[in-house]
Amino acid sequence: MAKKFKDYYDLECAHLLADKLKSADPAFPDMAFVDSIDRELGGSAEGPTFSARQDIFASALEEHLPRHYPDAVSLLERILGPPLPGPEGMFTYGWWLWPVGRYIERNALADREVSLGFIYKLTQRFTGEFAVRPLLRDAPEDTLSVLDTWAQDPDVHVRRLASEGMRINLPWAQKLTVALDYFDSYRTVLDRLKSAPEKFVQKSVGNNLNDLMKNDAEKAWAIIEAWRAESPSVETEWIIRHGTRSLRKRK
């Protein structure tokens, strides 16, 4: 039987993460970390849900990482490994980083600058789309300004995050309304990415439009009509088709 995605975050994953942290800092209490996760993973035959598992790991990190948040983040940075060379491999190679992202998501407001710096590095190995959302809620204009800078980054994962992190209806995440409440800044980020050459980025921008269409069709059409008035590229047309797919399904 194929392993369910949630079941990858098990005791083996706990040992993997503990070993990486112990290698980066010999003082890290690896066995206590693993034991705290082991205690929480029991229960029903199915075990905890995917989200519950992420919180179990994040709670263990909160318990056993250095109490000073910048010191904890510094340790996490030392286990990240090299950036992915291209769009592929996020889940193949970086899947074990999901609990790290969850830890950052839960603690991001402890130090905004430290969190943003780590998210920039994290997303080049896995994804920072969930971790950036508390920052968007807490300081939307400042964080959207950072995303605008990231939308111009040479790294494809950073550019994708600029789009993906601000989606209204991101799967596995609470609804986020900066697209509606700070529309001009949100639109600026999408404008930066409307001709992205990578499908990896194009899909995210299209998903943004699709979410926006469901929540405020007038705003979505304002973006689409402006892009079409500019003699859009092949990439932009693909994004528009992807962003209007829910409309076509309803017809």
Protein backbone atom coordinates (compact mmCIF):
# COMPACT_ATOMS: atom_id res chain seq x y z
CA MET A 1 0.00 0.00 0.00
CA ALA A 2 1.34 3.41 -0.97
CA LYS A 3 2.36 5.62 1.91
CA LYS A 4 0.02 8.55 2.56
CA PHE A 5 1.64 11.97 2.36
CA LYS A 6 0.91 12.72 6.01
CA ASP A 7 2.66 9.51 7.06
CA TYR A 8 6.02 10.79 5.85
CA TYR A 9 6.01 12.99 8.95
CA ASP A 10 6.61 10.09 11.31
CA LEU A 11 9.23 8.93 13.77
CA GLU A 12 11.71 8.34 10.94
CA CYS A 13 11.29 11.96 9.90
CA ALA A 14 11.79 13.03 13.53
CA HIS A 15 15.11 11.17 13.61
CA LEU A 16 16.13 12.67 10.28
CA LEU A 17 15.46 16.20 11.50
CA ALA A 18 17.08 15.51 14.88
CA ASP A 19 20.23 14.17 13.21
CA LYS A 20 20.52 17.26 11.02
CA LEU A 21 20.09 19.59 14.00
CA LYS A 22 22.56 17.58 16.09
CA SER A 23 25.14 17.75 13.31
CA ALA A 24 24.74 21.53 13.12
CA ASP A 25 24.81 21.95 16.92
CA PRO A 26 26.20 19.13 19.09
CA ALA A 27 24.32 20.60 22.08
CA PHE A 28 20.94 20.02 20.44
CA PRO A 29 18.91 17.53 22.58
CA ASP A 30 18.17 15.14 19.74
CA MET A 31 16.73 12.25 21.74
CA ALA A 32 14.47 14.50 23.82
CA PHE A 33 13.25 16.05 20.57
CA VAL A 34 12.46 12.64 19.07
CA ASP A 35 10.82 11.41 22.29
CA SER A 36 8.51 14.42 22.44
CA ILE A 37 7.33 13.72 18.90
CA ASP A 38 7.00 9.98 19.55
CA ARG A 39 4.67 10.63 22.50
CA GLU A 40 2.33 12.71 20.34
CA LEU A 41 2.25 10.51 17.23
CA GLY A 42 0.37 7.65 18.93
CA GLY A 43 -3.38 7.34 19.13
CA SER A 44 -5.75 6.01 16.50
CA ALA A 45 -4.79 3.53 13.80
CA GLU A 46 -4.62 6.36 11.29
CA GLY A 47 -2.64 8.59 13.64
CA PRO A 48 -2.79 12.39 13.63
CA THR A 49 -3.88 14.31 10.55
CA PHE A 50 -1.37 16.00 8.28
CA SER A 51 -1.88 19.40 9.92
CA ALA A 52 -1.72 17.91 13.40
CA ARG A 53 1.59 16.23 12.56
CA GLN A 54 3.06 19.53 11.41
CA ASP A 55 2.03 21.09 14.71
CA ILE A 56 3.50 18.18 16.68
CA PHE A 57 6.85 18.71 14.98
CA ALA A 58 6.63 22.50 15.34
CA SER A 59 5.84 22.18 19.05
CA ALA A 60 8.88 19.93 19.50
CA LEU A 61 11.04 22.48 17.71
CA GLU A 62 9.66 25.23 19.96
CA GLU A 63 10.49 23.13 23.00
CA HIS A 64 14.01 22.12 22.05
CA LEU A 65 15.46 24.84 19.83
CA PRO A 66 17.17 27.82 21.51
CA ARG A 67 14.64 30.06 23.27
CA HIS A 68 16.01 33.17 21.58
CA TYR A 69 14.23 33.18 18.22
CA PRO A 70 17.12 34.57 16.12
CA ASP A 71 19.40 31.88 17.58
CA ALA A 72 16.84 29.19 16.76
CA VAL A 73 16.54 30.47 13.18
CA SER A 74 20.31 30.61 12.85
CA LEU A 75 20.49 26.92 13.75
CA LEU A 76 17.74 26.06 11.26
CA GLU A 77 19.61 27.93 8.53
CA ARG A 78 22.58 25.63 9.05
CA ILE A 79 20.58 22.53 8.12
CA LEU A 80 18.94 23.85 4.95
CA GLY A 81 21.46 22.49 2.48
CA PRO A 82 22.03 23.86 -1.04
CA PRO A 83 19.30 25.60 -3.04
CA LEU A 84 17.43 23.59 -5.63
CA PRO A 85 18.97 24.15 -9.08
CA GLY A 86 15.60 24.63 -10.81
CA PRO A 87 11.81 24.44 -10.36
CA GLU A 88 11.77 20.67 -9.84
CA GLY A 89 12.48 18.77 -6.63
CA MET A 90 10.67 20.82 -4.00
CA PHE A 91 8.82 17.85 -2.52
CA THR A 92 11.32 15.21 -3.63
CA TYR A 93 14.26 16.75 -1.80
CA GLY A 94 12.76 19.33 0.55
CA TRP A 95 9.72 17.50 1.96
CA TRP A 96 11.35 17.16 5.42
CA LEU A 97 11.45 20.97 5.72
CA TRP A 98 7.67 21.31 6.02
CA PRO A 99 7.79 21.19 9.87
CA VAL A 100 10.54 23.83 9.81
CA GLY A 101 8.28 26.08 7.76
CA ARG A 102 5.48 25.40 10.23
CA TYR A 103 7.73 26.46 13.11
CA ILE A 104 8.53 29.72 11.31
CA GLU A 105 4.85 30.27 10.49
CA ARG A 106 3.93 29.94 14.16
CA ASN A 107 6.73 32.21 15.37
CA ALA A 108 7.26 34.62 12.47
CA LEU A 109 6.12 37.70 14.36
CA ALA A 110 8.80 37.24 17.02
CA ASP A 111 11.20 39.01 14.63
CA ARG A 112 9.90 40.06 11.22
CA GLU A 113 13.28 40.71 9.62
CA VAL A 114 14.77 37.45 10.83
CA SER A 115 11.69 35.57 9.61
CA LEU A 116 11.72 37.18 6.17
CA GLY A 117 15.41 36.46 5.78
CA PHE A 118 14.87 32.81 6.63
CA ILE A 119 11.77 32.45 4.44
CA TYR A 120 13.79 33.80 1.50
CA LYS A 121 16.31 30.99 2.03
CA LEU A 122 13.74 28.31 2.91
CA THR A 123 11.70 28.79 -0.24
CA GLN A 124 14.77 28.07 -2.38
CA ARG A 125 14.83 24.55 -0.88
CA PHE A 126 11.16 23.86 -0.20
CA THR A 127 8.51 26.60 0.08
CA GLY A 128 7.82 29.59 2.30
CA GLU A 129 4.28 30.24 1.14
CA PHE A 130 2.71 29.37 4.50
CA ALA A 131 5.36 30.99 6.68
CA VAL A 132 4.99 34.39 5.00
CA ARG A 133 1.23 34.67 5.56
CA PRO A 134 1.32 35.74 9.25
CA LEU A 135 3.61 38.57 8.17
CA LEU A 136 1.16 39.58 5.44
CA ARG A 137 -1.62 39.70 8.02
CA ASP A 138 0.41 41.63 10.57
CA ALA A 139 2.01 44.21 8.27
CA PRO A 140 0.45 43.80 4.83
CA GLU A 141 1.87 46.86 3.08
CA ASP A 142 5.43 46.30 4.28
CA THR A 143 5.30 42.60 3.43
CA LEU A 144 3.77 43.20 0.01
CA SER A 145 6.67 45.57 -0.67
CA VAL A 146 9.07 42.71 0.13
CA LEU A 147 7.11 40.39 -2.17
CA ASP A 148 7.39 42.98 -4.93
CA THR A 149 11.18 42.83 -4.55
CA TRP A 150 11.08 39.03 -4.50
CA ALA A 151 9.00 39.03 -7.70
CA GLN A 152 12.12 40.41 -9.42
CA ASP A 153 14.53 37.89 -7.91
CA PRO A 154 16.66 35.68 -10.20
CA ASP A 155 15.64 32.55 -8.25
CA VAL A 156 12.50 30.91 -9.64
CA HIS A 157 11.36 29.69 -6.21
CA VAL A 158 11.57 33.18 -4.74
CA ARG A 159 9.56 34.61 -7.63
CA ARG A 160 6.94 31.90 -7.24
CA LEU A 161 6.68 32.62 -3.51
CA ALA A 162 6.00 36.29 -4.27
CA SER A 163 2.80 35.12 -5.95
CA GLU A 164 1.90 31.97 -4.03
CA GLY A 165 2.23 33.45 -0.56
CA MET A 166 -0.47 36.06 -1.16
CA ARG A 167 -3.12 33.79 -2.68
CA ILE A 168 -6.57 34.26 -1.18
CA ASN A 169 -7.44 30.58 -0.98
CA LEU A 170 -4.10 28.81 -0.63
CA PRO A 171 -4.70 25.09 0.07
CA TRP A 172 -3.94 24.02 3.67
CA ALA A 173 -3.94 27.68 4.77
CA GLN A 174 -6.42 30.13 6.26
CA LYS A 175 -8.04 32.56 3.85
CA LEU A 176 -5.98 35.71 3.29
CA THR A 177 -7.55 38.91 1.92
CA VAL A 178 -4.59 41.19 1.18
CA ALA A 179 -5.44 40.76 -2.52
CA LEU A 180 -8.75 42.46 -1.84
CA ASP A 181 -7.71 44.93 0.84
CA TYR A 182 -4.44 46.08 -0.75
CA PHE A 183 -5.32 45.47 -4.34
CA ASP A 184 -2.94 47.94 -5.97
CA SER A 185 0.12 46.48 -4.21
CA TYR A 186 -1.09 42.94 -4.90
CA ARG A 187 -1.63 43.78 -8.56
CA THR A 188 1.87 45.24 -8.85
CA VAL A 189 3.36 41.90 -7.79
CA LEU A 190 1.30 39.98 -10.35
CA ASP A 191 2.23 42.50 -13.04
CA ARG A 192 5.89 41.71 -12.39
CA LEU A 193 5.22 38.02 -13.05
CA LYS A 194 2.72 38.09 -15.90
CA SER A 195 5.31 37.01 -18.47
CA ALA A 196 7.30 34.62 -16.29
CA PRO A 197 8.89 32.00 -18.55
CA GLU A 198 8.52 29.12 -16.06
CA LYS A 199 5.26 27.16 -15.80
CA PHE A 200 6.06 26.83 -12.08
CA VAL A 201 5.52 30.58 -11.69
CA GLN A 202 2.80 30.87 -14.32
CA LYS A 203 0.62 28.35 -12.47
CA SER A 204 0.90 30.33 -9.25
CA VAL A 205 -0.04 33.61 -10.93
CA GLY A 206 -2.95 31.87 -12.67
CA ASN A 207 -4.07 30.39 -9.35
CA ASN A 208 -4.02 33.88 -7.89
CA LEU A 209 -6.32 35.10 -10.66
CA ASN A 210 -8.59 32.09 -10.19
CA ASP A 211 -8.87 32.78 -6.45
CA LEU A 212 -9.48 36.46 -7.11
CA MET A 213 -12.16 35.66 -9.70
CA LYS A 214 -14.07 33.66 -7.08
CA ASN A 215 -13.87 36.45 -4.51
CA ASP A 216 -14.05 39.65 -6.58
CA ALA A 217 -14.53 39.07 -10.28
CA GLU A 218 -14.42 42.80 -11.04
CA LYS A 219 -10.87 43.08 -9.72
CA ALA A 220 -9.80 39.94 -11.57
CA TRP A 221 -11.17 41.23 -14.87
CA ALA A 222 -9.47 44.59 -14.31
CA ILE A 223 -6.12 42.79 -14.26
CA ILE A 224 -6.94 40.57 -17.23
CA GLU A 225 -8.26 43.41 -19.41
CA ALA A 226 -5.20 45.55 -18.68
CA TRP A 227 -2.88 42.69 -19.63
CA ARG A 228 -4.79 42.00 -22.84
CA ALA A 229 -4.60 45.69 -23.79
CA GLU A 230 -0.80 45.42 -23.72
CA SER A 231 -0.53 42.80 -26.50
CA PRO A 232 0.18 40.03 -24.02
CA SER A 233 2.88 37.42 -24.39
CA VAL A 234 2.21 33.72 -24.87
CA GLU A 235 3.02 33.28 -21.19
CA THR A 236 0.47 35.91 -20.15
CA GLU A 237 -2.24 34.31 -22.27
CA TRP A 238 -1.54 30.94 -20.62
CA ILE A 239 -1.81 32.56 -17.18
CA ILE A 240 -5.13 34.16 -18.13
CA ARG A 241 -6.51 30.83 -19.35
CA HIS A 242 -5.37 29.14 -16.16
CA GLY A 243 -6.82 31.97 -14.08
CA THR A 244 -10.26 31.74 -15.70
CA ARG A 245 -10.59 27.96 -15.66
CA SER A 246 -13.24 27.95 -12.90
CA LEU A 247 -15.42 30.19 -15.05
CA ARG A 248 -15.21 27.75 -17.95
CA LYS A 249 -16.06 24.81 -15.68
CA ARG A 250 -19.28 26.55 -14.60
CA LYS A 251 -20.49 27.01 -18.18
